[in-house]
N, C-alpha and C. Protein backbone atom coordinates (compact mmCIF):
# COMPACT_ATOMS: atom_id res chain seq x y z
N MET A 1 -21.12 3.62 107.79
CA MET A 1 -20.35 4.06 107.01
C MET A 1 -18.90 4.66 107.51
N LYS A 2 -18.96 5.13 108.80
CA LYS A 2 -17.95 5.45 109.25
C LYS A 2 -16.68 4.30 109.79
N SER A 3 -17.44 3.39 110.20
CA SER A 3 -16.84 2.38 110.41
C SER A 3 -15.96 1.54 109.11
N TRP A 4 -16.74 1.75 108.09
CA TRP A 4 -16.13 1.12 106.77
C TRP A 4 -14.87 2.06 106.55
N PHE A 5 -14.76 3.46 106.71
CA PHE A 5 -13.67 4.31 106.31
C PHE A 5 -12.71 3.93 107.35
N ALA A 6 -13.02 3.73 108.56
CA ALA A 6 -11.97 3.24 109.56
C ALA A 6 -11.26 1.79 109.41
N LYS A 7 -11.94 0.99 108.77
CA LYS A 7 -11.46 -0.46 108.25
C LYS A 7 -10.64 -0.28 107.05
N PHE A 8 -11.19 0.80 106.31
CA PHE A 8 -10.18 0.96 104.97
C PHE A 8 -8.96 1.68 105.56
N ARG A 9 -8.99 2.53 106.53
CA ARG A 9 -7.88 3.15 106.95
C ARG A 9 -6.77 2.14 107.59
N ILE A 10 -7.29 1.24 108.44
CA ILE A 10 -6.63 0.23 109.13
C ILE A 10 -5.80 -0.63 108.21
N SER A 11 -6.60 -0.98 106.98
CA SER A 11 -6.19 -1.94 105.78
C SER A 11 -5.07 -1.28 104.97
N ALA A 12 -5.38 0.15 104.87
CA ALA A 12 -4.24 0.79 103.99
C ALA A 12 -3.14 1.02 104.67
N ALA A 13 -3.19 1.33 106.12
CA ALA A 13 -1.79 1.31 106.81
C ALA A 13 -1.23 0.02 107.12
N MET A 14 -1.92 -0.99 107.10
CA MET A 14 -1.11 -2.20 107.03
C MET A 14 -0.51 -2.48 105.73
N ASP A 15 -1.13 -2.15 104.81
CA ASP A 15 -0.63 -2.95 103.45
C ASP A 15 0.58 -1.80 103.21
N SER A 16 0.56 -0.49 103.66
CA SER A 16 1.88 0.47 103.49
C SER A 16 2.87 -0.11 104.36
N GLY A 17 2.71 -0.76 105.44
CA GLY A 17 3.58 -1.04 106.39
C GLY A 17 3.94 0.17 107.52
N GLN A 18 3.01 1.04 107.49
CA GLN A 18 3.11 2.29 108.37
C GLN A 18 2.36 1.70 109.73
N GLU A 19 2.69 2.37 111.05
CA GLU A 19 2.06 2.39 112.08
C GLU A 19 0.53 2.84 112.05
N LEU A 20 -0.32 2.63 112.82
CA LEU A 20 -1.58 3.36 112.92
C LEU A 20 -1.45 4.66 113.54
N GLU A 21 -2.20 5.47 112.99
CA GLU A 21 -2.32 6.99 113.25
C GLU A 21 -2.82 6.79 114.95
N ALA A 22 -2.55 7.97 115.85
CA ALA A 22 -2.92 8.09 117.10
C ALA A 22 -4.63 8.06 117.47
N GLY A 23 -4.91 8.78 116.44
CA GLY A 23 -6.40 8.81 116.40
C GLY A 23 -7.19 7.80 115.79
N SER A 24 -6.54 6.92 114.94
CA SER A 24 -7.35 5.55 114.71
C SER A 24 -7.28 4.78 115.56
N GLN A 25 -6.06 4.65 116.52
CA GLN A 25 -5.99 3.82 117.62
C GLN A 25 -6.93 3.86 118.80
N ARG A 26 -7.10 5.54 118.89
CA ARG A 26 -8.10 5.74 120.10
C ARG A 26 -9.51 5.16 119.51
N ARG A 27 -9.69 5.42 118.19
CA ARG A 27 -11.30 4.87 118.10
C ARG A 27 -11.20 3.23 118.01
N THR A 28 -9.99 2.69 117.80
CA THR A 28 -10.01 1.19 117.82
C THR A 28 -10.03 0.73 119.34
N SER A 29 -9.62 1.65 120.03
CA SER A 29 -9.77 1.02 121.56
C SER A 29 -11.16 1.51 121.99
N VAL A 30 -11.94 2.23 121.39
CA VAL A 30 -13.32 2.62 121.65
C VAL A 30 -14.37 1.27 121.15
N SER A 31 -14.02 1.00 119.72
CA SER A 31 -15.01 0.10 119.18
C SER A 31 -14.34 -1.49 119.08
N ASP A 32 -15.45 -2.07 119.78
CA ASP A 32 -14.75 -3.61 119.56
C ASP A 32 -14.87 -4.03 118.28
N GLU A 33 -15.87 -3.68 117.49
CA GLU A 33 -15.52 -4.04 115.96
C GLU A 33 -14.30 -3.89 115.36
N LEU A 34 -14.07 -2.38 115.60
CA LEU A 34 -12.79 -2.22 114.80
C LEU A 34 -11.56 -2.71 115.34
N ARG A 35 -11.57 -2.93 116.72
CA ARG A 35 -10.41 -3.64 117.16
C ARG A 35 -10.11 -4.88 116.84
N GLY A 36 -11.40 -5.79 116.71
CA GLY A 36 -11.49 -7.21 116.38
C GLY A 36 -10.89 -7.18 114.75
N PHE A 37 -11.36 -6.14 114.08
CA PHE A 37 -10.92 -6.19 112.40
C PHE A 37 -9.34 -5.73 112.33
N GLU A 38 -8.86 -5.20 113.27
CA GLU A 38 -7.71 -4.82 113.36
C GLU A 38 -6.79 -5.89 113.55
N GLN A 39 -7.11 -6.70 114.48
CA GLN A 39 -6.62 -7.93 115.03
C GLN A 39 -6.57 -9.09 113.75
N GLU A 40 -7.75 -9.26 113.31
CA GLU A 40 -7.96 -10.14 112.07
C GLU A 40 -6.81 -9.91 111.16
N MET A 41 -6.87 -8.56 110.92
CA MET A 41 -5.81 -8.00 109.80
C MET A 41 -4.56 -8.12 110.02
N ALA A 42 -4.36 -7.75 111.19
CA ALA A 42 -2.74 -8.33 111.65
C ALA A 42 -2.49 -9.48 111.58
N ALA A 43 -3.33 -10.60 111.98
CA ALA A 43 -2.93 -12.10 111.87
C ALA A 43 -2.86 -12.41 110.55
N LEU A 44 -3.87 -12.02 109.81
CA LEU A 44 -4.03 -12.34 108.33
C LEU A 44 -2.50 -11.98 107.70
N ASP A 45 -2.12 -10.54 107.92
CA ASP A 45 -0.82 -10.02 107.33
C ASP A 45 0.52 -10.96 107.67
N GLY A 46 0.17 -11.36 108.93
CA GLY A 46 1.48 -12.00 109.51
C GLY A 46 1.56 -13.36 109.04
N ALA A 47 0.53 -13.89 108.77
CA ALA A 47 0.46 -15.61 108.04
C ALA A 47 0.84 -15.40 106.57
N LEU A 48 0.40 -14.32 106.12
CA LEU A 48 0.50 -14.14 104.69
C LEU A 48 1.98 -13.90 104.56
N LYS A 49 2.52 -13.20 105.32
CA LYS A 49 4.21 -12.87 105.08
C LYS A 49 4.84 -14.01 105.33
N GLN A 50 4.35 -14.83 106.46
CA GLN A 50 5.29 -15.97 106.62
C GLN A 50 4.94 -17.23 105.48
N THR A 51 4.06 -17.48 104.91
CA THR A 51 3.96 -18.46 103.99
C THR A 51 3.91 -18.02 102.55
N ALA A 52 4.38 -16.71 102.52
CA ALA A 52 4.60 -16.30 101.14
C ALA A 52 6.04 -17.18 100.45
N PRO A 53 5.94 -17.67 99.37
CA PRO A 53 6.54 -18.77 98.40
C PRO A 53 7.83 -17.65 97.85
N ARG A 54 9.03 -18.32 98.47
CA ARG A 54 10.39 -17.73 98.05
C ARG A 54 10.79 -18.71 97.14
N SER A 55 10.10 -18.62 95.74
CA SER A 55 10.96 -19.72 94.81
C SER A 55 11.95 -18.77 94.02
N GLN A 56 13.10 -19.57 93.80
CA GLN A 56 14.17 -18.95 93.11
C GLN A 56 14.28 -19.57 91.58
N ALA A 57 14.47 -18.96 90.76
CA ALA A 57 14.64 -19.17 89.31
C ALA A 57 15.64 -20.28 89.11
N PRO A 58 15.54 -21.34 88.47
CA PRO A 58 16.81 -21.95 88.07
C PRO A 58 17.46 -21.52 87.20
N PRO A 59 19.13 -21.66 87.49
CA PRO A 59 20.05 -20.88 86.66
C PRO A 59 20.00 -21.18 85.11
N SER A 60 19.28 -22.53 84.64
CA SER A 60 19.20 -22.49 83.15
C SER A 60 17.96 -21.99 82.59
N LEU A 61 16.94 -21.32 83.54
CA LEU A 61 16.21 -20.85 82.86
C LEU A 61 16.22 -19.51 81.84
N HIS A 62 17.11 -18.85 81.92
CA HIS A 62 17.42 -17.73 81.26
C HIS A 62 18.01 -18.35 79.80
N GLY A 63 18.87 -19.29 79.80
CA GLY A 63 19.62 -19.89 78.71
C GLY A 63 18.53 -20.56 78.05
N SER A 64 17.46 -21.34 78.84
CA SER A 64 16.33 -21.86 77.79
C SER A 64 15.50 -21.04 77.06
N ILE A 65 15.12 -19.87 77.70
CA ILE A 65 14.27 -18.84 76.88
C ILE A 65 15.13 -18.34 75.90
N MET A 66 16.41 -18.06 76.26
CA MET A 66 17.10 -17.23 74.81
C MET A 66 17.11 -18.26 73.65
N ARG A 67 17.20 -19.27 73.97
CA ARG A 67 17.33 -20.63 72.86
C ARG A 67 15.85 -20.71 72.41
N ALA A 68 14.74 -20.41 73.04
CA ALA A 68 13.51 -20.58 72.47
C ALA A 68 13.40 -19.28 71.68
N VAL A 69 13.79 -18.06 71.69
CA VAL A 69 13.67 -16.82 71.26
C VAL A 69 14.45 -17.06 69.97
N ARG A 70 15.73 -17.55 70.05
CA ARG A 70 16.42 -17.50 68.72
C ARG A 70 15.94 -18.68 67.65
N ALA A 71 15.23 -19.70 68.48
CA ALA A 71 14.98 -20.52 67.58
C ALA A 71 13.40 -20.15 66.81
N ALA A 72 12.69 -19.32 67.73
CA ALA A 72 11.43 -18.92 67.14
C ALA A 72 11.86 -17.65 65.82
N GLU A 73 13.01 -17.12 66.07
CA GLU A 73 13.33 -16.14 65.05
C GLU A 73 13.84 -16.73 63.63
N HIS A 74 14.15 -18.17 63.45
CA HIS A 74 14.89 -18.57 62.52
C HIS A 74 13.67 -19.06 61.40
N PRO A 75 12.71 -19.80 61.73
CA PRO A 75 11.61 -20.29 60.89
C PRO A 75 10.78 -19.10 60.12
N VAL A 76 10.96 -17.92 60.45
CA VAL A 76 10.30 -16.66 59.65
C VAL A 76 11.29 -16.40 58.64
N ALA A 77 12.71 -16.35 58.85
CA ALA A 77 13.75 -16.10 57.57
C ALA A 77 13.64 -17.22 56.67
N GLU A 78 13.36 -18.65 57.27
CA GLU A 78 13.56 -19.55 56.38
C GLU A 78 12.18 -19.70 55.36
N ALA A 79 10.95 -19.29 56.18
CA ALA A 79 9.91 -19.30 55.41
C ALA A 79 9.79 -17.89 54.42
N ARG A 80 10.65 -17.09 54.46
CA ARG A 80 10.77 -15.78 53.30
C ARG A 80 11.39 -16.49 52.36
N ARG A 81 12.66 -17.22 52.83
CA ARG A 81 13.36 -17.59 51.79
C ARG A 81 12.56 -18.51 50.78
N GLY A 82 11.73 -19.46 51.57
CA GLY A 82 11.03 -20.40 50.75
C GLY A 82 9.92 -19.78 49.69
N LEU A 83 9.58 -18.60 50.18
CA LEU A 83 8.37 -18.13 49.45
C LEU A 83 8.72 -17.04 48.42
N THR A 84 10.10 -16.89 48.22
CA THR A 84 10.60 -15.70 47.37
C THR A 84 10.34 -16.13 45.63
N PHE A 85 10.11 -17.30 45.57
CA PHE A 85 9.72 -17.87 44.10
C PHE A 85 8.46 -17.36 43.67
N LEU A 86 7.62 -17.21 44.65
CA LEU A 86 6.23 -16.56 44.33
C LEU A 86 6.07 -15.50 43.93
N ARG A 87 7.38 -14.42 44.05
CA ARG A 87 7.38 -13.19 43.95
C ARG A 87 7.39 -12.86 42.25
N TRP A 88 8.12 -14.02 41.80
CA TRP A 88 8.41 -13.90 40.25
C TRP A 88 7.19 -14.52 39.37
N LEU A 89 6.19 -15.17 40.08
CA LEU A 89 5.16 -15.75 39.54
C LEU A 89 4.23 -15.11 38.84
N PRO A 90 3.79 -13.76 38.88
CA PRO A 90 3.04 -12.95 37.97
C PRO A 90 3.59 -13.01 36.65
N VAL A 91 4.95 -12.86 36.67
CA VAL A 91 5.64 -12.18 35.49
C VAL A 91 5.26 -13.51 34.14
N PRO A 92 5.37 -14.74 34.66
CA PRO A 92 5.42 -15.77 33.28
C PRO A 92 3.68 -15.70 33.07
N VAL A 93 2.84 -15.66 34.05
CA VAL A 93 0.95 -15.64 34.11
C VAL A 93 0.93 -14.29 32.78
N VAL A 94 1.61 -13.22 33.14
CA VAL A 94 1.21 -12.03 32.44
C VAL A 94 1.56 -12.44 30.84
N GLU A 95 2.75 -12.96 30.83
CA GLU A 95 3.52 -13.26 29.39
C GLU A 95 2.66 -14.22 28.62
N VAL A 96 1.99 -15.24 29.20
CA VAL A 96 1.26 -16.31 28.78
C VAL A 96 -0.10 -15.68 28.31
N LEU A 97 -0.61 -14.74 29.29
CA LEU A 97 -2.02 -14.10 29.03
C LEU A 97 -1.63 -13.10 27.67
N ALA A 98 -0.74 -12.67 27.52
CA ALA A 98 -0.57 -11.59 26.54
C ALA A 98 -0.31 -12.50 25.11
N LEU A 99 0.45 -13.69 25.28
CA LEU A 99 0.66 -14.69 24.12
C LEU A 99 -0.98 -14.95 23.44
N LEU A 100 -1.60 -15.37 24.60
CA LEU A 100 -2.92 -15.74 23.91
C LEU A 100 -3.77 -14.88 23.46
N VAL A 101 -3.79 -13.72 23.81
CA VAL A 101 -4.32 -12.42 23.06
C VAL A 101 -3.83 -12.29 21.96
N VAL A 102 -2.74 -12.36 21.61
CA VAL A 102 -2.10 -12.01 20.38
C VAL A 102 -2.41 -13.24 19.41
N TRP A 103 -2.44 -14.37 19.93
CA TRP A 103 -2.87 -15.46 19.12
C TRP A 103 -4.10 -15.45 18.85
N TYR A 104 -5.12 -15.04 19.74
CA TYR A 104 -6.52 -15.13 19.36
C TYR A 104 -6.78 -14.04 18.15
N VAL A 105 -6.23 -12.80 18.41
CA VAL A 105 -6.36 -11.81 17.74
C VAL A 105 -5.96 -12.11 16.01
N ALA A 106 -4.52 -12.77 16.06
CA ALA A 106 -4.29 -13.35 14.89
C ALA A 106 -4.94 -14.42 14.27
N ARG A 107 -5.21 -15.33 14.80
CA ARG A 107 -5.80 -16.51 14.46
C ARG A 107 -7.42 -16.36 14.10
N GLY A 108 -8.16 -15.59 14.67
CA GLY A 108 -9.87 -15.51 14.98
C GLY A 108 -9.89 -14.57 13.42
N PRO A 109 -10.89 -15.10 12.72
CA PRO A 109 -11.24 -14.31 11.48
C PRO A 109 -12.36 -13.39 11.83
N VAL A 110 -12.24 -12.18 10.84
CA VAL A 110 -13.21 -11.14 10.98
C VAL A 110 -14.26 -11.61 10.27
N ARG A 111 -15.24 -11.54 10.94
CA ARG A 111 -16.64 -12.05 10.33
C ARG A 111 -17.61 -10.74 10.10
N VAL A 112 -17.96 -10.44 9.07
CA VAL A 112 -18.93 -9.26 8.42
C VAL A 112 -20.31 -9.85 8.99
N PRO A 113 -20.68 -8.62 9.66
CA PRO A 113 -22.15 -9.15 10.11
C PRO A 113 -23.03 -9.07 9.10
N VAL A 114 -24.24 -10.08 9.19
CA VAL A 114 -24.99 -10.03 8.05
C VAL A 114 -26.24 -9.12 8.55
N GLN A 115 -26.69 -8.46 7.51
CA GLN A 115 -27.66 -7.54 7.66
C GLN A 115 -29.15 -8.14 7.63
N ASP A 116 -29.49 -7.91 9.04
CA ASP A 116 -30.96 -8.66 8.92
C ASP A 116 -31.98 -7.70 8.93
N THR A 117 -32.98 -7.60 7.92
CA THR A 117 -33.75 -6.36 7.87
C THR A 117 -34.96 -6.54 8.98
N GLN A 118 -35.16 -8.05 9.52
CA GLN A 118 -36.26 -8.15 10.48
C GLN A 118 -35.64 -7.43 11.96
N SER A 119 -34.41 -7.03 12.30
CA SER A 119 -33.94 -6.82 13.34
C SER A 119 -34.24 -5.25 13.37
N LEU A 120 -34.05 -4.72 12.02
CA LEU A 120 -34.23 -2.98 11.94
C LEU A 120 -35.63 -2.88 12.18
N THR A 121 -36.80 -3.77 11.85
CA THR A 121 -38.07 -3.54 11.80
C THR A 121 -38.74 -3.53 13.35
N VAL A 122 -37.87 -4.49 14.01
CA VAL A 122 -37.71 -4.58 15.52
C VAL A 122 -37.37 -3.18 16.34
N ALA A 123 -36.36 -2.75 15.74
CA ALA A 123 -35.89 -1.74 16.55
C ALA A 123 -36.59 -0.23 16.20
N THR A 124 -37.09 -0.30 15.13
CA THR A 124 -37.81 0.88 14.55
C THR A 124 -39.34 0.82 15.38
N THR A 125 -39.91 -0.28 15.60
CA THR A 125 -41.06 -0.37 16.25
C THR A 125 -40.73 -0.04 17.77
N ALA A 126 -39.88 -0.34 18.23
CA ALA A 126 -39.26 -0.05 19.75
C ALA A 126 -39.15 1.30 20.03
N LEU A 127 -38.61 1.90 18.97
CA LEU A 127 -38.36 3.60 18.90
C LEU A 127 -39.84 4.15 18.78
N GLU A 128 -40.65 3.77 18.15
CA GLU A 128 -42.02 4.25 17.82
C GLU A 128 -42.76 4.16 19.28
N MET A 129 -42.78 3.08 19.78
CA MET A 129 -43.35 2.57 21.17
C MET A 129 -42.65 3.90 22.35
N GLY A 130 -41.59 4.06 22.12
CA GLY A 130 -40.93 4.98 23.14
C GLY A 130 -41.54 6.15 22.94
N GLY A 131 -41.65 6.41 21.69
CA GLY A 131 -42.29 8.06 21.49
C GLY A 131 -43.58 8.00 22.19
N GLN A 132 -44.56 7.08 21.87
CA GLN A 132 -45.87 7.15 22.28
C GLN A 132 -45.91 7.07 23.99
N MET A 133 -44.98 6.38 24.47
CA MET A 133 -44.85 6.07 25.79
C MET A 133 -44.50 7.52 26.37
N ALA A 134 -43.45 8.28 25.64
CA ALA A 134 -42.92 9.54 26.31
C ALA A 134 -44.41 10.48 26.39
N ARG A 135 -45.08 10.55 25.35
CA ARG A 135 -46.25 11.48 25.24
C ARG A 135 -47.39 10.92 26.18
N ALA A 136 -47.55 9.42 26.54
CA ALA A 136 -48.59 8.99 27.25
C ALA A 136 -48.43 9.20 28.82
N VAL A 137 -47.05 8.91 29.17
CA VAL A 137 -46.76 8.60 30.45
C VAL A 137 -47.01 9.80 31.58
N PRO A 138 -46.72 11.01 30.86
CA PRO A 138 -46.69 12.23 31.84
C PRO A 138 -48.14 12.33 32.34
N SER A 139 -49.21 12.24 31.40
CA SER A 139 -50.56 12.61 31.64
C SER A 139 -50.98 11.59 32.76
N ALA A 140 -50.54 10.35 32.49
CA ALA A 140 -50.79 9.00 33.35
C ALA A 140 -50.30 9.29 34.84
N VAL A 141 -49.00 9.62 34.98
CA VAL A 141 -48.50 9.76 36.36
C VAL A 141 -48.99 11.14 36.89
N VAL A 142 -49.47 12.51 36.17
CA VAL A 142 -49.84 13.55 36.92
C VAL A 142 -51.33 13.43 37.37
N SER A 143 -52.02 12.92 36.57
CA SER A 143 -53.60 12.72 37.03
C SER A 143 -53.91 12.33 38.21
N PRO A 144 -53.17 11.32 38.62
CA PRO A 144 -53.66 10.78 40.08
C PRO A 144 -53.53 12.11 41.22
N LEU A 145 -52.05 12.62 40.86
CA LEU A 145 -51.67 13.52 41.62
C LEU A 145 -52.43 14.91 41.90
N ALA A 146 -53.17 15.21 40.70
CA ALA A 146 -53.71 16.49 40.50
C ALA A 146 -55.36 16.01 41.18
N GLU A 147 -55.62 14.99 41.11
CA GLU A 147 -56.87 14.73 41.79
C GLU A 147 -56.99 14.62 43.18
N GLU A 148 -55.40 14.18 43.77
CA GLU A 148 -55.20 14.13 45.37
C GLU A 148 -54.94 15.62 45.84
N LEU A 149 -54.47 16.35 44.97
CA LEU A 149 -54.40 17.88 45.25
C LEU A 149 -55.84 18.69 45.45
N GLU A 150 -56.52 18.02 44.24
CA GLU A 150 -57.91 18.62 44.16
C GLU A 150 -58.71 18.39 45.78
N LYS A 151 -58.52 17.24 46.13
CA LYS A 151 -59.18 16.57 47.50
C LYS A 151 -58.71 17.33 48.61
N VAL A 152 -57.41 17.54 48.54
CA VAL A 152 -56.48 18.25 49.69
C VAL A 152 -57.25 19.50 49.76
N ASN A 153 -57.32 20.54 48.55
CA ASN A 153 -57.69 21.61 48.58
C ASN A 153 -59.41 21.77 49.36
N ARG A 154 -59.95 20.80 48.57
CA ARG A 154 -61.59 20.73 49.42
C ARG A 154 -61.48 20.43 51.00
N ASP A 155 -60.55 19.68 51.49
CA ASP A 155 -60.50 19.47 52.73
C ASP A 155 -60.15 20.47 53.39
N LEU A 156 -59.07 21.56 52.88
CA LEU A 156 -58.64 22.70 53.54
C LEU A 156 -59.87 23.66 53.64
N ASP A 157 -60.60 23.50 52.50
CA ASP A 157 -61.61 24.62 52.67
C ASP A 157 -63.06 24.35 53.50
N SER A 158 -63.11 22.92 53.61
CA SER A 158 -63.95 22.38 54.44
C SER A 158 -63.56 22.77 56.24
N THR A 159 -62.20 22.56 56.38
CA THR A 159 -61.81 22.89 57.59
C THR A 159 -61.82 24.60 57.91
N ALA A 160 -61.43 25.22 57.05
CA ALA A 160 -61.60 26.70 57.05
C ALA A 160 -62.91 27.27 57.41
N GLN A 161 -64.05 26.66 56.75
CA GLN A 161 -65.58 27.01 56.67
C GLN A 161 -65.97 26.28 58.20
N PHE A 162 -65.40 24.94 58.59
CA PHE A 162 -65.54 24.98 60.15
C PHE A 162 -65.02 25.67 61.17
N ILE A 163 -63.84 26.14 60.88
CA ILE A 163 -63.26 27.08 61.95
C ILE A 163 -63.77 28.40 61.93
N LEU A 164 -64.06 28.93 60.74
CA LEU A 164 -65.20 30.21 60.77
C LEU A 164 -66.59 29.95 61.24
N ALA A 165 -67.09 29.00 61.35
CA ALA A 165 -68.43 28.85 61.70
C ALA A 165 -68.45 28.56 63.33
N SER A 166 -67.24 28.02 63.96
CA SER A 166 -67.26 27.84 65.28
C SER A 166 -66.82 29.14 66.21
N LEU A 167 -66.25 29.95 65.51
CA LEU A 167 -65.87 31.33 66.18
C LEU A 167 -67.06 31.81 66.60
N PRO A 168 -67.28 32.70 67.95
CA PRO A 168 -68.30 33.38 68.25
C PRO A 168 -68.42 34.48 67.45
């Protein structure tokens, strides 16, 4: 674990470009593993610094980026101009629907409903059956619950008798 921390300190010192502390130099001289690690890191650091690409951006890069940005802004404005007529589309649609409703109301004849005596008898029968159901349903719903409650009370009485019989 200590060697891991020492390696971390060596790496951090090389990353920051600072010299190694005197204490860590002393530890490095003591341990062959740390000394080898420090040499490998120094060689790797030097190789990476020498091979780092130094690419220069071409002078026309800024101009081409700005042209692309300007070109990207124009289609949005053109698309907005092209779709402005859609904003007025609901107005004629609502007008046409209003005219159709007025035409239907004006043209459609008012029909007087024909009285059908059979439909009245069916409705009367349905109302009578509803009254019978209202009287019969409560007892049919409550009776199974009442029976279950009686069974629960019997079980509680049996349990109480068992517990009392078990006591010394």
